[in-house]
């Protein structure tokens, strides 16, 4: 694949991740979404994954590490939420 296309894809993923995390924060802040909801957690997990890819590509290691932690928190929360569902 052409390196320019890869760079464009990485940038698109980074911007999509930013919009996803921003939207999740807006929805929680306005009371339209619960911070413990699976939707909120998934928005943050997917957004963090996009930031990890984008930050890693650009060599922004502090941002990549922060988003690894952010994603891990979301995944652990989702596991906890799944364990509380009635069977």
PDB file of N, CA and C in Angstrom:
ATOM      1  N   UNK A   1       0.848  -1.186   0.000  1.00  0.00           N
ATOM      2  CA  UNK A   1       0.000   0.000   0.000  1.00  0.00           C
ATOM      3  C   UNK A   1       0.889   1.243   0.000  1.00  0.00           C
ATOM      4  N   UNK A   2       0.475   2.242  -0.707  1.00  0.00           N
ATOM      5  CA  UNK A   2       1.198   3.506  -0.803  1.00  0.00           C
ATOM      6  C   UNK A   2       1.293   4.165   0.573  1.00  0.00           C
ATOM      7  N   UNK A   3       2.477   4.656   0.928  1.00  0.00           N
ATOM      8  CA  UNK A   3       2.673   5.256   2.256  1.00  0.00           C
ATOM      9  C   UNK A   3       1.804   6.496   2.463  1.00  0.00           C
ATOM     10  N   UNK A   4       1.479   7.203   1.386  1.00  0.00           N
ATOM     11  CA  UNK A   4       0.587   8.369   1.523  1.00  0.00           C
ATOM     12  C   UNK A   4      -0.807   7.926   1.926  1.00  0.00           C
ATOM     13  N   UNK A   5      -1.276   6.815   1.365  1.00  0.00           N
ATOM     14  CA  UNK A   5      -2.596   6.299   1.732  1.00  0.00           C
ATOM     15  C   UNK A   5      -2.618   5.830   3.180  1.00  0.00           C
ATOM     16  N   UNK A   6      -1.531   5.213   3.612  1.00  0.00           N
ATOM     17  CA  UNK A   6      -1.441   4.787   5.012  1.00  0.00           C
ATOM     18  C   UNK A   6      -1.481   5.999   5.926  1.00  0.00           C
ATOM     19  N   UNK A   7      -0.730   7.032   5.583  1.00  0.00           N
ATOM     20  CA  UNK A   7      -0.711   8.252   6.394  1.00  0.00           C
ATOM     21  C   UNK A   7      -2.091   8.884   6.452  1.00  0.00           C
ATOM     22  N   UNK A   8      -2.785   8.940   5.338  1.00  0.00           N
ATOM     23  CA  UNK A   8      -4.142   9.500   5.311  1.00  0.00           C
ATOM     24  C   UNK A   8      -5.075   8.655   6.175  1.00  0.00           C
ATOM     25  N   UNK A   9      -4.958   7.341   6.083  1.00  0.00           N
ATOM     26  CA  UNK A   9      -5.799   6.445   6.887  1.00  0.00           C
ATOM     27  C   UNK A   9      -5.524   6.634   8.377  1.00  0.00           C
ATOM     28  N   UNK A  10      -4.262   6.750   8.750  1.00  0.00           N
ATOM     29  CA  UNK A  10      -3.887   6.955  10.158  1.00  0.00           C
ATOM     30  C   UNK A  10      -4.450   8.287  10.660  1.00  0.00           C
ATOM     31  N   UNK A  11      -4.365   9.321   9.841  1.00  0.00           N
ATOM     32  CA  UNK A  11      -4.914  10.625  10.232  1.00  0.00           C
ATOM     33  C   UNK A  11      -6.431  10.560  10.377  1.00  0.00           C
ATOM     34  N   UNK A  12      -7.092   9.889   9.447  1.00  0.00           N
ATOM     35  CA  UNK A  12      -8.545   9.724   9.531  1.00  0.00           C
ATOM     36  C   UNK A  12      -8.927   8.997  10.812  1.00  0.00           C
ATOM     37  N   UNK A  13      -8.214   7.918  11.121  1.00  0.00           N
ATOM     38  CA  UNK A  13      -8.479   7.160  12.345  1.00  0.00           C
ATOM     39  C   UNK A  13      -8.285   8.046  13.571  1.00  0.00           C
ATOM     40  N   UNK A  14      -7.241   8.854  13.587  1.00  0.00           N
ATOM     41  CA  UNK A  14      -6.989   9.753  14.714  1.00  0.00           C
ATOM     42  C   UNK A  14      -8.109  10.764  14.903  1.00  0.00           C
ATOM     43  N   UNK A  15      -8.563  11.371  13.812  1.00  0.00           N
ATOM     44  CA  UNK A  15      -9.655  12.353  13.909  1.00  0.00           C
ATOM     45  C   UNK A  15     -10.965  11.689  14.298  1.00  0.00           C
ATOM     46  N   UNK A  16     -11.224  10.501  13.765  1.00  0.00           N
ATOM     47  CA  UNK A  16     -12.442   9.769  14.133  1.00  0.00           C
ATOM     48  C   UNK A  16     -12.410   9.406  15.614  1.00  0.00           C
ATOM     49  N   UNK A  17     -11.253   9.002  16.111  1.00  0.00           N
ATOM     50  CA  UNK A  17     -11.092   8.682  17.529  1.00  0.00           C
ATOM     51  C   UNK A  17     -11.352   9.910  18.395  1.00  0.00           C
ATOM     52  N   UNK A  18     -10.814  11.048  17.977  1.00  0.00           N
ATOM     53  CA  UNK A  18     -11.020  12.289  18.735  1.00  0.00           C
ATOM     54  C   UNK A  18     -12.501  12.641  18.786  1.00  0.00           C
ATOM     55  N   UNK A  19     -13.178  12.545  17.659  1.00  0.00           N
ATOM     56  CA  UNK A  19     -14.610  12.864  17.626  1.00  0.00           C
ATOM     57  C   UNK A  19     -15.429  11.887  18.461  1.00  0.00           C
ATOM     58  N   UNK A  20     -15.050  10.617  18.449  1.00  0.00           N
ATOM     59  CA  UNK A  20     -15.767   9.614  19.226  1.00  0.00           C
ATOM     60  C   UNK A  20     -15.631   9.868  20.725  1.00  0.00           C
ATOM     61  N   UNK A  21     -14.422  10.134  21.188  1.00  0.00           N
ATOM     62  CA  UNK A  21     -14.214  10.405  22.610  1.00  0.00           C
ATOM     63  C   UNK A  21     -14.869  11.725  23.007  1.00  0.00           C
ATOM     64  N   UNK A  22     -14.773  12.722  22.162  1.00  0.00           N
ATOM     65  CA  UNK A  22     -15.424  13.997  22.442  1.00  0.00           C
ATOM     66  C   UNK A  22     -16.942  13.825  22.516  1.00  0.00           C
ATOM     67  N   UNK A  23     -17.510  13.067  21.601  1.00  0.00           N
ATOM     68  CA  UNK A  23     -18.962  12.818  21.613  1.00  0.00           C
ATOM     69  C   UNK A  23     -19.374  12.064  22.868  1.00  0.00           C
ATOM     70  N   UNK A  24     -18.584  11.089  23.290  1.00  0.00           N
ATOM     71  CA  UNK A  24     -18.932  10.341  24.502  1.00  0.00           C
ATOM     72  C   UNK A  24     -18.920  11.258  25.718  1.00  0.00           C
ATOM     73  N   UNK A  25     -17.954  12.146  25.793  1.00  0.00           N
ATOM     74  CA  UNK A  25     -17.874  13.103  26.910  1.00  0.00           C
ATOM     75  C   UNK A  25     -19.052  14.077  26.874  1.00  0.00           C
ATOM     76  N   UNK A  26     -19.386  14.551  25.709  1.00  0.00           N
ATOM     77  CA  UNK A  26     -20.527  15.457  25.560  1.00  0.00           C
ATOM     78  C   UNK A  26     -21.818  14.763  25.995  1.00  0.00           C
ATOM     79  N   UNK A  27     -22.024  13.520  25.561  1.00  0.00           N
ATOM     80  CA  UNK A  27     -23.246  12.788  25.909  1.00  0.00           C
ATOM     81  C   UNK A  27     -23.344  12.530  27.410  1.00  0.00           C
ATOM     82  N   UNK A  28     -22.231  12.217  28.056  1.00  0.00           N
ATOM     83  CA  UNK A  28     -22.246  12.013  29.510  1.00  0.00           C
ATOM     84  C   UNK A  28     -22.455  13.350  30.218  1.00  0.00           C
ATOM     85  N   UNK A  29     -21.799  14.380  29.765  1.00  0.00           N
ATOM     86  CA  UNK A  29     -21.908  15.696  30.409  1.00  0.00           C
ATOM     87  C   UNK A  29     -23.304  16.290  30.311  1.00  0.00           C
ATOM     88  N   UNK A  30     -24.022  15.958  29.250  1.00  0.00           N
ATOM     89  CA  UNK A  30     -25.376  16.476  29.077  1.00  0.00           C
ATOM     90  C   UNK A  30     -26.444  15.522  29.612  1.00  0.00           C
ATOM     91  N   UNK A  31     -26.009  14.413  30.221  1.00  0.00           N
ATOM     92  CA  UNK A  31     -26.935  13.473  30.820  1.00  0.00           C
ATOM     93  C   UNK A  31     -27.641  12.560  29.841  1.00  0.00           C
ATOM     94  N   UNK A  32     -27.204  12.527  28.610  1.00  0.00           N
ATOM     95  CA  UNK A  32     -27.838  11.657  27.609  1.00  0.00           C
ATOM     96  C   UNK A  32     -27.268  10.247  27.620  1.00  0.00           C
ATOM     97  N   UNK A  33     -26.184  10.075  28.336  1.00  0.00           N
ATOM     98  CA  UNK A  33     -25.530   8.780  28.429  1.00  0.00           C
ATOM     99  C   UNK A  33     -24.982   8.633  29.833  1.00  0.00           C
ATOM    100  N   UNK A  34     -25.073   7.446  30.389  1.00  0.00           N
ATOM    101  CA  UNK A  34     -24.544   7.158  31.719  1.00  0.00           C
ATOM    102  C   UNK A  34     -23.070   6.766  31.591  1.00  0.00           C
ATOM    103  N   UNK A  35     -22.245   7.283  32.454  1.00  0.00           N
ATOM    104  CA  UNK A  35     -20.814   6.988  32.420  1.00  0.00           C
ATOM    105  C   UNK A  35     -20.480   5.525  32.650  1.00  0.00           C
ATOM    106  N   UNK A  36     -21.398   4.764  33.219  1.00  0.00           N
ATOM    107  CA  UNK A  36     -21.175   3.330  33.436  1.00  0.00           C
ATOM    108  C   UNK A  36     -21.838   2.482  32.353  1.00  0.00           C
ATOM    109  N   UNK A  37     -22.392   3.121  31.347  1.00  0.00           N
ATOM    110  CA  UNK A  37     -23.091   2.363  30.297  1.00  0.00           C
ATOM    111  C   UNK A  37     -22.094   1.704  29.350  1.00  0.00           C
ATOM    112  N   UNK A  38     -22.471   0.541  28.826  1.00  0.00           N
ATOM    113  CA  UNK A  38     -21.602  -0.100  27.835  1.00  0.00           C
ATOM    114  C   UNK A  38     -21.349   0.793  26.612  1.00  0.00           C
ATOM    115  N   UNK A  39     -22.340   1.564  26.209  1.00  0.00           N
ATOM    116  CA  UNK A  39     -22.158   2.450  25.050  1.00  0.00           C
ATOM    117  C   UNK A  39     -21.031   3.444  25.294  1.00  0.00           C
ATOM    118  N   UNK A  40     -21.045   4.095  26.456  1.00  0.00           N
ATOM    119  CA  UNK A  40     -19.997   5.052  26.804  1.00  0.00           C
ATOM    120  C   UNK A  40     -18.631   4.361  26.836  1.00  0.00           C
ATOM    121  N   UNK A  41     -18.588   3.195  27.471  1.00  0.00           N
ATOM    122  CA  UNK A  41     -17.320   2.481  27.589  1.00  0.00           C
ATOM    123  C   UNK A  41     -16.793   2.051  26.220  1.00  0.00           C
ATOM    124  N   UNK A  42     -17.666   1.542  25.354  1.00  0.00           N
ATOM    125  CA  UNK A  42     -17.242   1.134  24.009  1.00  0.00           C
ATOM    126  C   UNK A  42     -16.758   2.324  23.199  1.00  0.00           C
ATOM    127  N   UNK A  43     -17.448   3.467  23.323  1.00  0.00           N
ATOM    128  CA  UNK A  43     -17.013   4.667  22.602  1.00  0.00           C
ATOM    129  C   UNK A  43     -15.590   5.036  23.010  1.00  0.00           C
ATOM    130  N   UNK A  44     -15.294   4.917  24.306  1.00  0.00           N
ATOM    131  CA  UNK A  44     -13.964   5.255  24.802  1.00  0.00           C
ATOM    132  C   UNK A  44     -12.927   4.200  24.436  1.00  0.00           C
ATOM    133  N   UNK A  45     -13.299   2.937  24.468  1.00  0.00           N
ATOM    134  CA  UNK A  45     -12.355   1.874  24.094  1.00  0.00           C
ATOM    135  C   UNK A  45     -11.971   2.002  22.615  1.00  0.00           C
ATOM    136  N   UNK A  46     -12.955   2.173  21.759  1.00  0.00           N
ATOM    137  CA  UNK A  46     -12.681   2.295  20.324  1.00  0.00           C
ATOM    138  C   UNK A  46     -11.916   3.595  20.041  1.00  0.00           C
ATOM    139  N   UNK A  47     -12.322   4.691  20.688  1.00  0.00           N
ATOM    140  CA  UNK A  47     -11.611   5.954  20.513  1.00  0.00           C
ATOM    141  C   UNK A  47     -10.162   5.860  20.964  1.00  0.00           C
ATOM    142  N   UNK A  48      -9.941   5.230  22.127  1.00  0.00           N
ATOM    143  CA  UNK A  48      -8.575   5.071  22.627  1.00  0.00           C
ATOM    144  C   UNK A  48      -7.740   4.210  21.677  1.00  0.00           C
ATOM    145  N   UNK A  49      -8.349   3.164  21.121  1.00  0.00           N
ATOM    146  CA  UNK A  49      -7.618   2.321  20.164  1.00  0.00           C
ATOM    147  C   UNK A  49      -7.175   3.137  18.948  1.00  0.00           C
ATOM    148  N   UNK A  50      -8.053   4.015  18.480  1.00  0.00           N
ATOM    149  CA  UNK A  50      -7.687   4.888  17.366  1.00  0.00           C
ATOM    150  C   UNK A  50      -6.559   5.840  17.719  1.00  0.00           C
ATOM    151  N   UNK A  51      -6.611   6.383  18.945  1.00  0.00           N
ATOM    152  CA  UNK A  51      -5.538   7.275  19.402  1.00  0.00           C
ATOM    153  C   UNK A  51      -4.219   6.520  19.569  1.00  0.00           C
ATOM    154  N   UNK A  52      -4.292   5.273  20.037  1.00  0.00           N
ATOM    155  CA  UNK A  52      -3.073   4.471  20.183  1.00  0.00           C
ATOM    156  C   UNK A  52      -2.402   4.310  18.819  1.00  0.00           C
ATOM    157  N   UNK A  53      -3.192   3.964  17.831  1.00  0.00           N
ATOM    158  CA  UNK A  53      -2.661   3.791  16.476  1.00  0.00           C
ATOM    159  C   UNK A  53      -2.061   5.091  15.950  1.00  0.00           C
ATOM    160  N   UNK A  54      -2.819   6.182  16.063  1.00  0.00           N
ATOM    161  CA  UNK A  54      -2.365   7.475  15.559  1.00  0.00           C
ATOM    162  C   UNK A  54      -1.143   7.979  16.327  1.00  0.00           C
ATOM    163  N   UNK A  55      -1.182   7.900  17.641  1.00  0.00           N
ATOM    164  CA  UNK A  55      -0.064   8.383  18.464  1.00  0.00           C
ATOM    165  C   UNK A  55       1.190   7.552  18.230  1.00  0.00           C
ATOM    166  N   UNK A  56       1.009   6.238  18.157  1.00  0.00           N
ATOM    167  CA  UNK A  56       2.156   5.373  17.904  1.00  0.00           C
ATOM    168  C   UNK A  56       2.796   5.647  16.554  1.00  0.00           C
ATOM    169  N   UNK A  57       1.967   5.865  15.546  1.00  0.00           N
ATOM    170  CA  UNK A  57       2.458   6.173  14.195  1.00  0.00           C
ATOM    171  C   UNK A  57       3.310   7.438  14.203  1.00  0.00           C
ATOM    172  N   UNK A  58       2.872   8.419  14.987  1.00  0.00           N
ATOM    173  CA  UNK A  58       3.580   9.699  15.041  1.00  0.00           C
ATOM    174  C   UNK A  58       4.679   9.737  16.096  1.00  0.00           C
ATOM    175  N   UNK A  59       4.864   8.644  16.817  1.00  0.00           N
ATOM    176  CA  UNK A  59       5.917   8.586  17.828  1.00  0.00           C
ATOM    177  C   UNK A  59       5.591   9.363  19.088  1.00  0.00           C
ATOM    178  N   UNK A  60       4.325   9.647  19.311  1.00  0.00           N
ATOM    179  CA  UNK A  60       3.901  10.384  20.519  1.00  0.00           C
ATOM    180  C   UNK A  60       3.642   9.360  21.628  1.00  0.00           C
ATOM    181  N   UNK A  61       4.721   8.873  22.215  1.00  0.00           N
ATOM    182  CA  UNK A  61       4.608   7.790  23.182  1.00  0.00           C
ATOM    183  C   UNK A  61       3.813   8.146  24.435  1.00  0.00           C
ATOM    184  N   UNK A  62       3.950   9.355  25.001  1.00  0.00           N
ATOM    185  CA  UNK A  62       3.120   9.663  26.173  1.00  0.00           C
ATOM    186  C   UNK A  62       1.623   9.550  25.860  1.00  0.00           C
ATOM    187  N   UNK A  63       1.214  10.016  24.711  1.00  0.00           N
ATOM    188  CA  UNK A  63      -0.189   9.924  24.316  1.00  0.00           C
ATOM    189  C   UNK A  63      -0.591   8.468  24.084  1.00  0.00           C
ATOM    190  N   UNK A  64       0.280   7.699  23.470  1.00  0.00           N
ATOM    191  CA  UNK A  64      -0.019   6.281  23.232  1.00  0.00           C
ATOM    192  C   UNK A  64      -0.176   5.536  24.549  1.00  0.00           C
ATOM    193  N   UNK A  65       0.730   5.777  25.496  1.00  0.00           N
ATOM    194  CA  UNK A  65       0.658   5.101  26.797  1.00  0.00           C
ATOM    195  C   UNK A  65      -0.595   5.534  27.559  1.00  0.00           C
ATOM    196  N   UNK A  66      -0.912   6.819  27.535  1.00  0.00           N
ATOM    197  CA  UNK A  66      -2.136   7.301  28.180  1.00  0.00           C
ATOM    198  C   UNK A  66      -3.353   6.589  27.610  1.00  0.00           C
ATOM    199  N   UNK A  67      -3.406   6.434  26.313  1.00  0.00           N
ATOM    200  CA  UNK A  67      -4.563   5.805  25.686  1.00  0.00           C
ATOM    201  C   UNK A  67      -4.592   4.298  25.865  1.00  0.00           C
ATOM    202  N   UNK A  68      -3.449   3.674  26.076  1.00  0.00           N
ATOM    203  CA  UNK A  68      -3.431   2.255  26.448  1.00  0.00           C
ATOM    204  C   UNK A  68      -4.104   2.102  27.811  1.00  0.00           C
ATOM    205  N   UNK A  69      -3.764   2.990  28.750  1.00  0.00           N
ATOM    206  CA  UNK A  69      -4.390   2.956  30.077  1.00  0.00           C
ATOM    207  C   UNK A  69      -5.883   3.260  29.961  1.00  0.00           C
ATOM    208  N   UNK A  70      -6.243   4.269  29.166  1.00  0.00           N
ATOM    209  CA  UNK A  70      -7.641   4.663  28.957  1.00  0.00           C
ATOM    210  C   UNK A  70      -8.449   3.478  28.407  1.00  0.00           C
ATOM    211  N   UNK A  71      -7.864   2.795  27.433  1.00  0.00           N
ATOM    212  CA  UNK A  71      -8.527   1.646  26.828  1.00  0.00           C
ATOM    213  C   UNK A  71      -8.654   0.501  27.833  1.00  0.00           C
ATOM    214  N   UNK A  72      -7.608   0.266  28.608  1.00  0.00           N
ATOM    215  CA  UNK A  72      -7.640  -0.806  29.613  1.00  0.00           C
ATOM    216  C   UNK A  72      -8.729  -0.547  30.650  1.00  0.00           C
ATOM    217  N   UNK A  73      -8.870   0.694  31.084  1.00  0.00           N
ATOM    218  CA  UNK A  73      -9.928   1.034  32.038  1.00  0.00           C
ATOM    219  C   UNK A  73     -11.293   0.710  31.441  1.00  0.00           C
ATOM    220  N   UNK A  74     -11.497   1.075  30.195  1.00  0.00           N
ATOM    221  CA  UNK A  74     -12.761   0.790  29.525  1.00  0.00           C
ATOM    222  C   UNK A  74     -13.026  -0.701  29.393  1.00  0.00           C
ATOM    223  N   UNK A  75     -12.006  -1.460  29.031  1.00  0.00           N
ATOM    224  CA  UNK A  75     -12.164  -2.905  28.863  1.00  0.00           C
ATOM    225  C   UNK A  75     -12.481  -3.560  30.202  1.00  0.00           C
ATOM    226  N   UNK A  76     -11.758  -3.185  31.251  1.00  0.00           N
ATOM    227  CA  UNK A  76     -12.022  -3.740  32.580  1.00  0.00           C
ATOM    228  C   UNK A  76     -13.440  -3.388  33.030  1.00  0.00           C
ATOM    229  N   UNK A  77     -13.874  -2.164  32.773  1.00  0.00           N
ATOM    230  CA  UNK A  77     -15.240  -1.764  33.129  1.00  0.00           C
ATOM    231  C   UNK A  77     -16.262  -2.572  32.348  1.00  0.00           C
ATOM    232  N   UNK A  78     -16.023  -2.777  31.066  1.00  0.00           N
ATOM    233  CA  UNK A  78     -16.950  -3.581  30.249  1.00  0.00           C
ATOM    234  C   UNK A  78     -17.033  -5.023  30.751  1.00  0.00           C
ATOM    235  N   UNK A  79     -15.908  -5.576  31.153  1.00  0.00           N
ATOM    236  CA  UNK A  79     -15.895  -6.941  31.710  1.00  0.00           C
ATOM    237  C   UNK A  79     -16.720  -6.978  32.995  1.00  0.00           C
ATOM    238  N   UNK A  80     -16.527  -5.958  33.835  1.00  0.00           N
ATOM    239  CA  UNK A  80     -17.301  -5.884  35.068  1.00  0.00           C
ATOM    240  C   UNK A  80     -18.791  -5.737  34.805  1.00  0.00           C
ATOM    241  N   UNK A  81     -19.145  -4.914  33.826  1.00  0.00           N
ATOM    242  CA  UNK A  81     -20.552  -4.725  33.477  1.00  0.00           C
ATOM    243  C   UNK A  81     -21.156  -6.010  32.909  1.00  0.00           C
ATOM    244  N   UNK A  82     -20.374  -6.730  32.127  1.00  0.00           N
ATOM    245  CA  UNK A  82     -20.881  -7.987  31.553  1.00  0.00           C
ATOM    246  C   UNK A  82     -21.125  -9.026  32.637  1.00  0.00           C
ATOM    247  N   UNK A  83     -20.299  -9.000  33.677  1.00  0.00           N
ATOM    248  CA  UNK A  83     -20.452  -9.944  34.782  1.00  0.00           C
ATOM    249  C   UNK A  83     -21.677  -9.678  35.635  1.00  0.00           C
ATOM    250  N   UNK A  84     -22.238  -8.481  35.536  1.00  0.00           N
ATOM    251  CA  UNK A  84     -23.412  -8.114  36.330  1.00  0.00           C
ATOM    252  C   UNK A  84     -24.728  -8.331  35.603  1.00  0.00           C
ATOM    253  N   UNK A  85     -24.668  -8.675  34.342  1.00  0.00           N
ATOM    254  CA  UNK A  85     -25.905  -8.880  33.566  1.00  0.00           C
ATOM    255  C   UNK A  85     -26.610 -10.148  34.035  1.00  0.00           C
ATOM    256  N   UNK A  86     -27.938 -10.079  34.110  1.00  0.00           N
ATOM    257  CA  UNK A  86     -28.660 -11.313  34.435  1.00  0.00           C
ATOM    258  C   UNK A  86     -28.555 -12.304  33.290  1.00  0.00           C
ATOM    259  N   UNK A  87     -28.508 -13.571  33.650  1.00  0.00           N
ATOM    260  CA  UNK A  87     -28.331 -14.609  32.620  1.00  0.00           C
ATOM    261  C   UNK A  87     -29.613 -15.168  32.145  1.00  0.00           C
TER     262      UNK A  87
END
